[in-house]
Amino acid sequence: TFGEHKLTVVIDAGHGDNDPGALSITGRHEKDFTLATSKKVVDLLSKDKRINVLMTRSDDTFIPLDDRVSFANDIAADLFLSIHGNSAKATVSGTETYYNRPESLAFANAIHKYAVPATGFADRKVREADFRVITKTTMPAVLLEVGYLSNKNDEAAMYKEAFQDKLAASLVVAIKEY
C-alpha cells in the first residue's frame, strides 16, 4: 500500500499539431489516434483516487520531446506511458512495446501482456529502443506502438471507438497491476 502517497502517472499522447506523426492508409493522422486513446486511458485512471494522472498534451498542441520528458521528471512521476501508432510496409501488422532502461522492463512487460490481447494484433514483442521519452525520463517509462496505421486491418480497428475503449481499459489494468 502507498498510504497517502498518490501514484503519479503521465500519459503521453504521441505527436500533435504541426507534428502529425504517421499518416494512416486512409489519410488520417497518428496524432488524432494517440490523443483519443490517451484521453480514454486518463478518464479511466482518474476514477481511481490512488492515482494522480496527467497528460503531456490534452489537445492538438505540439510539445517538443524534451518538454515531455522534463514535465514528467519535474513532477517526479512514478510511471510514464507514451502512446503511438506505427507505420511501415502495408503488410506489417502488430503491437510492440518499447523500453530503454532496465528499470522499465517490468512495466513494459505488464503493458504488453494486456495490450496485445486487447488489440487482437500480432504480438511483435517487447523491444529495446532509444526513443527520447523513454531514455531521458527518470521513472519507469514505456512507449507503446499500438498497431500499424500503414496496415489496413490495424488502421481500421485503431480509429474505432470500441477498440480504443478496450485498449484503454487494458492499459489501466496493466498500470494498476504493475
N, C-alpha and C. Protein backbone atom coordinates (compact mmCIF):
# COMPACT_ATOMS: atom_id res chain seq x y z
N THR A 1 0.84 -1.20 0.00
CA THR A 1 0.00 0.00 0.00
C THR A 1 0.87 1.26 0.00
N PHE A 2 0.37 2.29 -0.64
CA PHE A 2 1.13 3.53 -0.75
C PHE A 2 0.79 4.50 0.38
N GLY A 3 -0.11 4.10 1.27
CA GLY A 3 -0.54 5.03 2.31
C GLY A 3 -1.18 6.23 1.65
N GLU A 4 -0.69 7.40 1.99
CA GLU A 4 -1.27 8.62 1.43
C GLU A 4 -0.61 9.02 0.11
N HIS A 5 0.45 8.30 -0.26
CA HIS A 5 1.16 8.67 -1.48
C HIS A 5 0.34 8.29 -2.70
N LYS A 6 -0.02 9.28 -3.48
CA LYS A 6 -0.72 9.00 -4.72
C LYS A 6 0.30 8.62 -5.78
N LEU A 7 -0.06 7.67 -6.57
CA LEU A 7 0.80 7.27 -7.68
C LEU A 7 0.59 8.29 -8.80
N THR A 8 1.67 8.89 -9.29
CA THR A 8 1.55 9.86 -10.38
C THR A 8 1.93 9.19 -11.69
N VAL A 9 0.96 9.17 -12.60
CA VAL A 9 1.16 8.54 -13.90
C VAL A 9 1.03 9.60 -14.99
N VAL A 10 2.01 9.66 -15.88
CA VAL A 10 1.96 10.58 -17.01
C VAL A 10 1.63 9.79 -18.27
N ILE A 11 0.57 10.22 -18.96
CA ILE A 11 0.19 9.62 -20.23
C ILE A 11 0.57 10.61 -21.33
N ASP A 12 1.38 10.12 -22.25
CA ASP A 12 1.91 10.96 -23.32
C ASP A 12 1.29 10.56 -24.66
N ALA A 13 0.41 11.42 -25.16
CA ALA A 13 -0.18 11.18 -26.49
C ALA A 13 0.85 11.61 -27.53
N GLY A 14 1.34 10.66 -28.29
CA GLY A 14 2.40 10.96 -29.26
C GLY A 14 2.00 12.03 -30.26
N HIS A 15 2.99 12.83 -30.65
CA HIS A 15 2.83 13.84 -31.71
C HIS A 15 1.88 14.97 -31.32
N GLY A 16 1.36 15.69 -32.31
CA GLY A 16 0.47 16.83 -32.05
C GLY A 16 0.74 18.01 -32.94
N ASP A 17 -0.31 18.71 -33.30
CA ASP A 17 -0.29 19.93 -34.10
C ASP A 17 0.56 19.77 -35.37
N ASN A 18 1.65 20.56 -35.47
CA ASN A 18 2.47 20.55 -36.69
C ASN A 18 3.34 19.30 -36.80
N ASP A 19 3.27 18.41 -35.82
CA ASP A 19 3.97 17.12 -35.87
C ASP A 19 2.89 16.04 -35.84
N PRO A 20 2.29 15.75 -37.01
CA PRO A 20 1.13 14.85 -37.02
C PRO A 20 1.45 13.37 -36.82
N GLY A 21 2.73 13.01 -36.89
CA GLY A 21 3.10 11.60 -36.79
C GLY A 21 2.83 10.90 -38.12
N ALA A 22 2.60 9.62 -38.05
CA ALA A 22 2.38 8.83 -39.27
C ALA A 22 1.05 9.20 -39.91
N LEU A 23 1.01 9.12 -41.23
CA LEU A 23 -0.23 9.29 -41.97
C LEU A 23 -0.78 7.89 -42.21
N SER A 24 -2.04 7.68 -41.82
CA SER A 24 -2.60 6.33 -41.95
C SER A 24 -2.93 6.03 -43.41
N ILE A 25 -3.24 4.77 -43.66
CA ILE A 25 -3.50 4.31 -45.03
C ILE A 25 -4.71 5.02 -45.64
N THR A 26 -5.62 5.53 -44.80
CA THR A 26 -6.77 6.27 -45.33
C THR A 26 -6.62 7.78 -45.11
N GLY A 27 -5.38 8.22 -44.82
CA GLY A 27 -5.12 9.65 -44.73
C GLY A 27 -5.42 10.29 -43.39
N ARG A 28 -5.55 9.48 -42.35
CA ARG A 28 -5.76 10.04 -41.02
C ARG A 28 -4.43 10.18 -40.30
N HIS A 29 -4.41 11.08 -39.31
CA HIS A 29 -3.15 11.36 -38.61
C HIS A 29 -3.00 10.55 -37.34
N GLU A 30 -1.76 10.12 -37.11
CA GLU A 30 -1.42 9.39 -35.89
C GLU A 30 -1.78 10.20 -34.65
N LYS A 31 -1.53 11.53 -34.70
CA LYS A 31 -1.75 12.38 -33.52
C LYS A 31 -3.19 12.32 -33.04
N ASP A 32 -4.14 12.09 -33.92
CA ASP A 32 -5.55 12.04 -33.54
C ASP A 32 -5.87 10.73 -32.82
N PHE A 33 -5.31 9.64 -33.33
CA PHE A 33 -5.47 8.34 -32.67
C PHE A 33 -4.86 8.37 -31.27
N THR A 34 -3.64 8.91 -31.18
CA THR A 34 -2.95 8.88 -29.88
C THR A 34 -3.66 9.74 -28.85
N LEU A 35 -4.19 10.88 -29.26
CA LEU A 35 -4.88 11.76 -28.32
C LEU A 35 -6.19 11.14 -27.86
N ALA A 36 -6.97 10.60 -28.79
CA ALA A 36 -8.26 10.00 -28.44
C ALA A 36 -8.06 8.84 -27.46
N THR A 37 -7.08 7.99 -27.76
CA THR A 37 -6.82 6.83 -26.91
C THR A 37 -6.27 7.26 -25.55
N SER A 38 -5.36 8.21 -25.55
CA SER A 38 -4.76 8.69 -24.30
C SER A 38 -5.83 9.28 -23.37
N LYS A 39 -6.76 10.04 -23.95
CA LYS A 39 -7.83 10.64 -23.14
C LYS A 39 -8.67 9.56 -22.47
N LYS A 40 -8.91 8.47 -23.18
CA LYS A 40 -9.68 7.36 -22.62
C LYS A 40 -8.93 6.71 -21.44
N VAL A 41 -7.64 6.56 -21.60
CA VAL A 41 -6.82 5.99 -20.52
C VAL A 41 -6.89 6.90 -19.29
N VAL A 42 -6.74 8.20 -19.53
CA VAL A 42 -6.76 9.18 -18.44
C VAL A 42 -8.12 9.19 -17.73
N ASP A 43 -9.20 9.15 -18.50
CA ASP A 43 -10.54 9.15 -17.91
C ASP A 43 -10.72 7.96 -16.99
N LEU A 44 -10.28 6.79 -17.44
CA LEU A 44 -10.42 5.57 -16.63
C LEU A 44 -9.51 5.60 -15.41
N LEU A 45 -8.27 6.02 -15.60
CA LEU A 45 -7.31 6.05 -14.49
C LEU A 45 -7.73 7.04 -13.41
N SER A 46 -8.29 8.16 -13.83
CA SER A 46 -8.61 9.21 -12.85
C SER A 46 -9.79 8.82 -11.96
N LYS A 47 -10.48 7.74 -12.29
CA LYS A 47 -11.56 7.25 -11.42
C LYS A 47 -10.98 6.61 -10.16
N ASP A 48 -9.70 6.24 -10.21
CA ASP A 48 -9.04 5.63 -9.06
C ASP A 48 -8.40 6.73 -8.24
N LYS A 49 -8.90 6.91 -7.02
CA LYS A 49 -8.43 8.03 -6.19
C LYS A 49 -6.97 7.88 -5.76
N ARG A 50 -6.40 6.68 -5.92
CA ARG A 50 -5.00 6.47 -5.53
C ARG A 50 -4.04 6.99 -6.60
N ILE A 51 -4.61 7.34 -7.75
CA ILE A 51 -3.76 7.70 -8.89
C ILE A 51 -3.97 9.15 -9.30
N ASN A 52 -2.86 9.85 -9.42
CA ASN A 52 -2.86 11.22 -9.94
C ASN A 52 -2.38 11.09 -11.38
N VAL A 53 -3.25 11.37 -12.35
CA VAL A 53 -2.88 11.14 -13.74
C VAL A 53 -2.82 12.46 -14.50
N LEU A 54 -1.74 12.62 -15.26
CA LEU A 54 -1.52 13.85 -16.01
C LEU A 54 -1.19 13.51 -17.45
N MET A 55 -1.51 14.44 -18.35
CA MET A 55 -1.20 14.25 -19.77
C MET A 55 -0.16 15.27 -20.20
N THR A 56 0.73 14.85 -21.11
CA THR A 56 1.69 15.81 -21.65
C THR A 56 0.98 16.79 -22.58
N ARG A 57 -0.10 16.31 -23.23
CA ARG A 57 -0.94 17.22 -24.03
C ARG A 57 -2.37 16.70 -23.98
N SER A 58 -3.32 17.62 -23.86
CA SER A 58 -4.72 17.21 -23.79
C SER A 58 -5.51 17.77 -24.97
N ASP A 59 -4.78 18.39 -25.89
CA ASP A 59 -5.42 18.88 -27.12
C ASP A 59 -4.39 18.82 -28.24
N ASP A 60 -4.71 19.38 -29.39
CA ASP A 60 -3.83 19.27 -30.55
C ASP A 60 -2.72 20.31 -30.50
N THR A 61 -1.82 20.15 -29.55
CA THR A 61 -0.69 21.07 -29.46
C THR A 61 0.60 20.30 -29.71
N PHE A 62 1.62 21.03 -30.10
CA PHE A 62 2.93 20.42 -30.31
C PHE A 62 3.76 20.62 -29.06
N ILE A 63 4.26 19.52 -28.51
CA ILE A 63 5.14 19.60 -27.35
C ILE A 63 6.44 18.89 -27.69
N PRO A 64 7.56 19.63 -27.68
CA PRO A 64 8.84 19.00 -28.00
C PRO A 64 9.13 17.83 -27.06
N LEU A 65 9.85 16.84 -27.56
CA LEU A 65 10.15 15.65 -26.78
C LEU A 65 10.80 15.98 -25.44
N ASP A 66 11.75 16.91 -25.45
CA ASP A 66 12.44 17.25 -24.20
C ASP A 66 11.49 17.88 -23.18
N ASP A 67 10.46 18.57 -23.66
CA ASP A 67 9.48 19.16 -22.75
C ASP A 67 8.58 18.08 -22.15
N ARG A 68 8.29 17.04 -22.93
CA ARG A 68 7.51 15.92 -22.40
C ARG A 68 8.30 15.24 -21.28
N VAL A 69 9.59 15.08 -21.54
CA VAL A 69 10.49 14.45 -20.55
C VAL A 69 10.58 15.30 -19.29
N SER A 70 10.86 16.59 -19.44
CA SER A 70 11.04 17.43 -18.25
C SER A 70 9.74 17.58 -17.47
N PHE A 71 8.60 17.57 -18.17
CA PHE A 71 7.30 17.61 -17.49
C PHE A 71 7.20 16.43 -16.53
N ALA A 72 7.48 15.22 -17.01
CA ALA A 72 7.39 14.02 -16.17
C ALA A 72 8.45 14.03 -15.07
N ASN A 73 9.67 14.41 -15.42
CA ASN A 73 10.75 14.43 -14.44
C ASN A 73 10.53 15.47 -13.34
N ASP A 74 10.06 16.66 -13.74
CA ASP A 74 9.89 17.75 -12.79
C ASP A 74 8.82 17.44 -11.74
N ILE A 75 7.80 16.68 -12.11
CA ILE A 75 6.77 16.34 -11.12
C ILE A 75 7.08 15.01 -10.44
N ALA A 76 8.25 14.43 -10.76
CA ALA A 76 8.67 13.16 -10.17
C ALA A 76 7.58 12.10 -10.35
N ALA A 77 7.13 11.95 -11.58
CA ALA A 77 6.10 10.95 -11.88
C ALA A 77 6.62 9.55 -11.53
N ASP A 78 5.68 8.66 -11.23
CA ASP A 78 6.04 7.27 -10.90
C ASP A 78 6.12 6.41 -12.15
N LEU A 79 5.30 6.74 -13.13
CA LEU A 79 5.27 5.97 -14.38
C LEU A 79 5.03 6.91 -15.55
N PHE A 80 5.55 6.52 -16.72
CA PHE A 80 5.38 7.31 -17.95
C PHE A 80 5.00 6.36 -19.07
N LEU A 81 3.87 6.63 -19.72
CA LEU A 81 3.42 5.79 -20.85
C LEU A 81 3.15 6.67 -22.05
N SER A 82 3.87 6.41 -23.13
CA SER A 82 3.70 7.15 -24.38
C SER A 82 2.97 6.26 -25.37
N ILE A 83 1.91 6.80 -25.98
CA ILE A 83 1.06 6.02 -26.89
C ILE A 83 1.25 6.49 -28.32
N HIS A 84 1.53 5.52 -29.19
CA HIS A 84 1.81 5.81 -30.60
C HIS A 84 1.12 4.84 -31.54
N GLY A 85 1.14 5.19 -32.82
CA GLY A 85 0.73 4.30 -33.89
C GLY A 85 1.91 4.16 -34.82
N ASN A 86 2.14 2.97 -35.33
CA ASN A 86 3.33 2.70 -36.11
C ASN A 86 3.06 2.84 -37.61
N SER A 87 4.13 2.77 -38.40
CA SER A 87 4.00 2.83 -39.85
C SER A 87 5.17 2.10 -40.48
N ALA A 88 4.85 1.30 -41.50
CA ALA A 88 5.89 0.55 -42.22
C ALA A 88 5.28 0.10 -43.54
N LYS A 89 5.77 -1.02 -44.07
CA LYS A 89 5.15 -1.58 -45.26
C LYS A 89 3.72 -1.99 -44.92
N ALA A 90 2.84 -1.96 -45.91
CA ALA A 90 1.42 -2.25 -45.68
C ALA A 90 1.19 -3.65 -45.11
N THR A 91 2.15 -4.54 -45.33
CA THR A 91 1.97 -5.93 -44.88
C THR A 91 2.29 -6.10 -43.40
N VAL A 92 2.98 -5.14 -42.80
CA VAL A 92 3.39 -5.28 -41.40
C VAL A 92 2.23 -4.91 -40.48
N SER A 93 2.02 -5.76 -39.48
CA SER A 93 0.94 -5.55 -38.53
C SER A 93 1.42 -5.94 -37.15
N GLY A 94 0.82 -5.34 -36.12
CA GLY A 94 1.11 -5.83 -34.77
C GLY A 94 1.39 -4.76 -33.75
N THR A 95 1.52 -5.22 -32.51
CA THR A 95 1.72 -4.37 -31.34
C THR A 95 3.13 -4.57 -30.80
N GLU A 96 3.82 -3.47 -30.55
CA GLU A 96 5.17 -3.50 -29.99
C GLU A 96 5.22 -2.59 -28.78
N THR A 97 5.96 -3.02 -27.76
CA THR A 97 6.12 -2.21 -26.55
C THR A 97 7.61 -1.97 -26.36
N TYR A 98 7.98 -0.71 -26.27
CA TYR A 98 9.39 -0.34 -26.18
C TYR A 98 9.77 0.17 -24.79
N TYR A 99 10.96 -0.21 -24.37
CA TYR A 99 11.53 0.32 -23.14
C TYR A 99 13.00 0.60 -23.44
N ASN A 100 13.67 1.32 -22.53
CA ASN A 100 15.08 1.60 -22.74
C ASN A 100 15.93 1.17 -21.57
N ARG A 101 15.53 1.54 -20.36
CA ARG A 101 16.34 1.26 -19.18
C ARG A 101 15.85 0.01 -18.46
N PRO A 102 16.76 -0.73 -17.81
CA PRO A 102 16.36 -1.98 -17.14
C PRO A 102 15.18 -1.80 -16.18
N GLU A 103 15.12 -0.65 -15.51
CA GLU A 103 14.04 -0.45 -14.55
C GLU A 103 12.67 -0.24 -15.21
N SER A 104 12.66 -0.16 -16.53
CA SER A 104 11.39 -0.01 -17.26
C SER A 104 10.87 -1.35 -17.80
N LEU A 105 11.69 -2.37 -17.74
CA LEU A 105 11.32 -3.65 -18.38
C LEU A 105 10.07 -4.28 -17.78
N ALA A 106 9.96 -4.32 -16.47
CA ALA A 106 8.78 -4.94 -15.85
C ALA A 106 7.51 -4.20 -16.24
N PHE A 107 7.59 -2.86 -16.31
CA PHE A 107 6.44 -2.05 -16.72
C PHE A 107 6.10 -2.36 -18.18
N ALA A 108 7.12 -2.46 -19.03
CA ALA A 108 6.90 -2.78 -20.45
C ALA A 108 6.22 -4.14 -20.59
N ASN A 109 6.68 -5.12 -19.81
CA ASN A 109 6.08 -6.46 -19.88
C ASN A 109 4.62 -6.43 -19.45
N ALA A 110 4.29 -5.65 -18.43
CA ALA A 110 2.91 -5.55 -17.96
C ALA A 110 2.02 -4.90 -19.03
N ILE A 111 2.49 -3.81 -19.60
CA ILE A 111 1.73 -3.12 -20.66
C ILE A 111 1.49 -4.07 -21.83
N HIS A 112 2.55 -4.74 -22.25
CA HIS A 112 2.47 -5.61 -23.42
C HIS A 112 1.52 -6.78 -23.19
N LYS A 113 1.59 -7.35 -22.00
CA LYS A 113 0.76 -8.52 -21.66
C LYS A 113 -0.73 -8.22 -21.83
N TYR A 114 -1.15 -6.99 -21.52
CA TYR A 114 -2.55 -6.63 -21.63
C TYR A 114 -2.90 -5.98 -22.97
N ALA A 115 -1.95 -5.26 -23.56
CA ALA A 115 -2.24 -4.55 -24.81
C ALA A 115 -2.45 -5.51 -25.98
N VAL A 116 -1.63 -6.55 -26.05
CA VAL A 116 -1.72 -7.46 -27.21
C VAL A 116 -3.09 -8.14 -27.31
N PRO A 117 -3.61 -8.77 -26.24
CA PRO A 117 -4.94 -9.35 -26.37
C PRO A 117 -6.03 -8.31 -26.63
N ALA A 118 -5.84 -7.10 -26.10
CA ALA A 118 -6.85 -6.05 -26.32
C ALA A 118 -6.89 -5.60 -27.78
N THR A 119 -5.72 -5.51 -28.42
CA THR A 119 -5.70 -5.08 -29.82
C THR A 119 -6.12 -6.22 -30.74
N GLY A 120 -5.77 -7.44 -30.37
CA GLY A 120 -6.01 -8.58 -31.25
C GLY A 120 -5.02 -8.63 -32.40
N PHE A 121 -4.00 -7.75 -32.36
CA PHE A 121 -2.99 -7.72 -33.42
C PHE A 121 -1.88 -8.72 -33.12
N ALA A 122 -1.02 -8.91 -34.11
CA ALA A 122 0.14 -9.79 -33.93
C ALA A 122 1.01 -9.28 -32.78
N ASP A 123 1.60 -10.22 -32.05
CA ASP A 123 2.50 -9.88 -30.95
C ASP A 123 3.89 -9.66 -31.52
N ARG A 124 4.30 -8.39 -31.56
CA ARG A 124 5.62 -8.06 -32.09
C ARG A 124 6.62 -7.79 -30.97
N LYS A 125 6.27 -8.24 -29.78
CA LYS A 125 7.21 -8.32 -28.65
C LYS A 125 7.54 -7.00 -27.96
N VAL A 126 8.13 -7.19 -26.79
CA VAL A 126 8.71 -6.09 -26.03
C VAL A 126 10.11 -5.89 -26.59
N ARG A 127 10.44 -4.67 -26.92
CA ARG A 127 11.72 -4.38 -27.57
C ARG A 127 12.43 -3.23 -26.89
N GLU A 128 13.73 -3.20 -27.07
CA GLU A 128 14.53 -2.10 -26.54
C GLU A 128 14.74 -1.07 -27.64
N ALA A 129 14.64 0.21 -27.29
CA ALA A 129 14.88 1.27 -28.27
C ALA A 129 15.33 2.52 -27.52
N ASP A 130 15.80 3.52 -28.29
CA ASP A 130 16.31 4.72 -27.63
C ASP A 130 15.46 5.96 -27.92
N PHE A 131 14.15 5.78 -27.95
CA PHE A 131 13.27 6.95 -28.09
C PHE A 131 13.53 7.89 -26.91
N ARG A 132 13.59 9.19 -27.21
CA ARG A 132 13.92 10.18 -26.17
C ARG A 132 13.05 10.09 -24.93
N VAL A 133 11.74 9.93 -25.14
CA VAL A 133 10.84 9.96 -23.98
C VAL A 133 11.03 8.78 -23.04
N ILE A 134 11.66 7.71 -23.52
CA ILE A 134 11.91 6.58 -22.61
C ILE A 134 13.38 6.47 -22.18
N THR A 135 14.26 7.26 -22.81
CA THR A 135 15.66 7.26 -22.37
C THR A 135 15.92 8.36 -21.34
N LYS A 136 15.28 9.51 -21.52
CA LYS A 136 15.62 10.68 -20.70
C LYS A 136 14.74 10.83 -19.46
N THR A 137 13.66 10.06 -19.38
CA THR A 137 12.79 10.13 -18.21
C THR A 137 13.47 9.40 -17.06
N THR A 138 13.11 9.78 -15.83
CA THR A 138 13.79 9.21 -14.65
C THR A 138 12.95 8.15 -13.94
N MET A 139 11.76 7.87 -14.46
CA MET A 139 10.90 6.85 -13.87
C MET A 139 10.71 5.72 -14.89
N PRO A 140 10.19 4.55 -14.49
CA PRO A 140 9.89 3.53 -15.49
C PRO A 140 9.04 4.12 -16.61
N ALA A 141 9.50 3.95 -17.85
CA ALA A 141 8.86 4.60 -18.99
C ALA A 141 8.77 3.64 -20.15
N VAL A 142 7.61 3.65 -20.81
CA VAL A 142 7.32 2.73 -21.90
C VAL A 142 6.70 3.49 -23.06
N LEU A 143 7.05 3.09 -24.27
CA LEU A 143 6.42 3.63 -25.47
C LEU A 143 5.70 2.47 -26.15
N LEU A 144 4.39 2.60 -26.28
CA LEU A 144 3.57 1.56 -26.88
C LEU A 144 3.23 1.92 -28.32
N GLU A 145 3.65 1.06 -29.25
CA GLU A 145 3.23 1.20 -30.65
C GLU A 145 2.04 0.26 -30.79
N VAL A 146 0.84 0.83 -30.75
CA VAL A 146 -0.39 0.05 -30.66
C VAL A 146 -0.57 -0.87 -31.87
N GLY A 147 -0.37 -0.31 -33.05
CA GLY A 147 -0.55 -1.07 -34.28
C GLY A 147 -0.01 -0.24 -35.42
N TYR A 148 -0.16 -0.77 -36.63
CA TYR A 148 0.39 -0.10 -37.81
C TYR A 148 -0.70 0.64 -38.57
N LEU A 149 -0.57 1.97 -38.60
CA LEU A 149 -1.52 2.79 -39.35
C LEU A 149 -1.36 2.60 -40.85
N SER A 150 -0.26 1.97 -41.23
CA SER A 150 0.02 1.69 -42.63
C SER A 150 -0.60 0.34 -43.07
N ASN A 151 -1.20 -0.37 -42.11
CA ASN A 151 -1.83 -1.67 -42.39
C ASN A 151 -3.34 -1.47 -42.34
N LYS A 152 -4.04 -1.90 -43.41
CA LYS A 152 -5.46 -1.56 -43.47
C LYS A 152 -6.30 -2.17 -42.35
N ASN A 153 -5.95 -3.36 -41.91
CA ASN A 153 -6.71 -4.00 -40.82
C ASN A 153 -6.44 -3.34 -39.47
N ASP A 154 -5.16 -3.10 -39.17
CA ASP A 154 -4.81 -2.43 -37.92
C ASP A 154 -5.48 -1.05 -37.89
N GLU A 155 -5.31 -0.31 -38.98
CA GLU A 155 -5.79 1.06 -39.04
C GLU A 155 -7.30 1.14 -38.88
N ALA A 156 -8.02 0.25 -39.55
CA ALA A 156 -9.49 0.27 -39.48
C ALA A 156 -9.93 0.08 -38.03
N ALA A 157 -9.25 -0.80 -37.32
CA ALA A 157 -9.59 -1.04 -35.91
C ALA A 157 -9.22 0.15 -35.04
N MET A 158 -8.03 0.70 -35.26
CA MET A 158 -7.48 1.71 -34.35
C MET A 158 -8.30 2.98 -34.24
N TYR A 159 -9.05 3.33 -35.29
CA TYR A 159 -9.86 4.55 -35.23
C TYR A 159 -11.28 4.28 -34.74
N LYS A 160 -11.58 3.03 -34.39
CA LYS A 160 -12.91 2.72 -33.86
C LYS A 160 -12.96 2.97 -32.36
N GLU A 161 -14.04 3.61 -31.94
CA GLU A 161 -14.25 3.94 -30.53
C GLU A 161 -14.16 2.71 -29.63
N ALA A 162 -14.80 1.63 -30.03
CA ALA A 162 -14.84 0.42 -29.20
C ALA A 162 -13.44 -0.16 -29.01
N PHE A 163 -12.62 -0.10 -30.06
CA PHE A 163 -11.24 -0.59 -29.98
C PHE A 163 -10.46 0.26 -28.98
N GLN A 164 -10.60 1.58 -29.09
CA GLN A 164 -9.87 2.49 -28.20
C GLN A 164 -10.31 2.29 -26.75
N ASP A 165 -11.61 2.06 -26.54
CA ASP A 165 -12.12 1.81 -25.19
C ASP A 165 -11.51 0.55 -24.60
N LYS A 166 -11.49 -0.50 -25.41
CA LYS A 166 -10.96 -1.79 -24.95
C LYS A 166 -9.46 -1.69 -24.65
N LEU A 167 -8.74 -1.03 -25.54
CA LEU A 167 -7.30 -0.85 -25.35
C LEU A 167 -7.04 -0.02 -24.08
N ALA A 168 -7.77 1.08 -23.93
CA ALA A 168 -7.58 1.96 -22.77
C ALA A 168 -7.82 1.17 -21.48
N ALA A 169 -8.87 0.37 -21.45
CA ALA A 169 -9.18 -0.42 -20.25
C ALA A 169 -8.05 -1.40 -19.95
N SER A 170 -7.47 -1.98 -21.00
CA SER A 170 -6.37 -2.94 -20.80
C SER A 170 -5.13 -2.25 -20.25
N LEU A 171 -4.87 -1.04 -20.70
CA LEU A 171 -3.70 -0.29 -20.24
C LEU A 171 -3.87 0.11 -18.77
N VAL A 172 -5.09 0.43 -18.39
CA VAL A 172 -5.37 0.77 -16.99
C VAL A 172 -5.14 -0.45 -16.10
N VAL A 173 -5.60 -1.62 -16.55
CA VAL A 173 -5.36 -2.86 -15.79
C VAL A 173 -3.86 -3.10 -15.65
N ALA A 174 -3.13 -2.91 -16.74
CA ALA A 174 -1.68 -3.12 -16.72
C ALA A 174 -0.99 -2.17 -15.73
N ILE A 175 -1.37 -0.91 -15.76
CA ILE A 175 -0.77 0.09 -14.87
C ILE A 175 -1.06 -0.26 -13.42
N LYS A 176 -2.30 -0.64 -13.14
CA LYS A 176 -2.68 -0.98 -11.77
C LYS A 176 -1.96 -2.24 -11.31
N GLU A 177 -1.85 -3.22 -12.20
CA GLU A 177 -1.16 -4.46 -11.82
C GLU A 177 0.32 -4.17 -11.56
N TYR A 178 0.90 -3.37 -12.43
CA TYR A 178 2.32 -3.04 -12.24
C TYR A 178 2.52 -2.32 -10.92
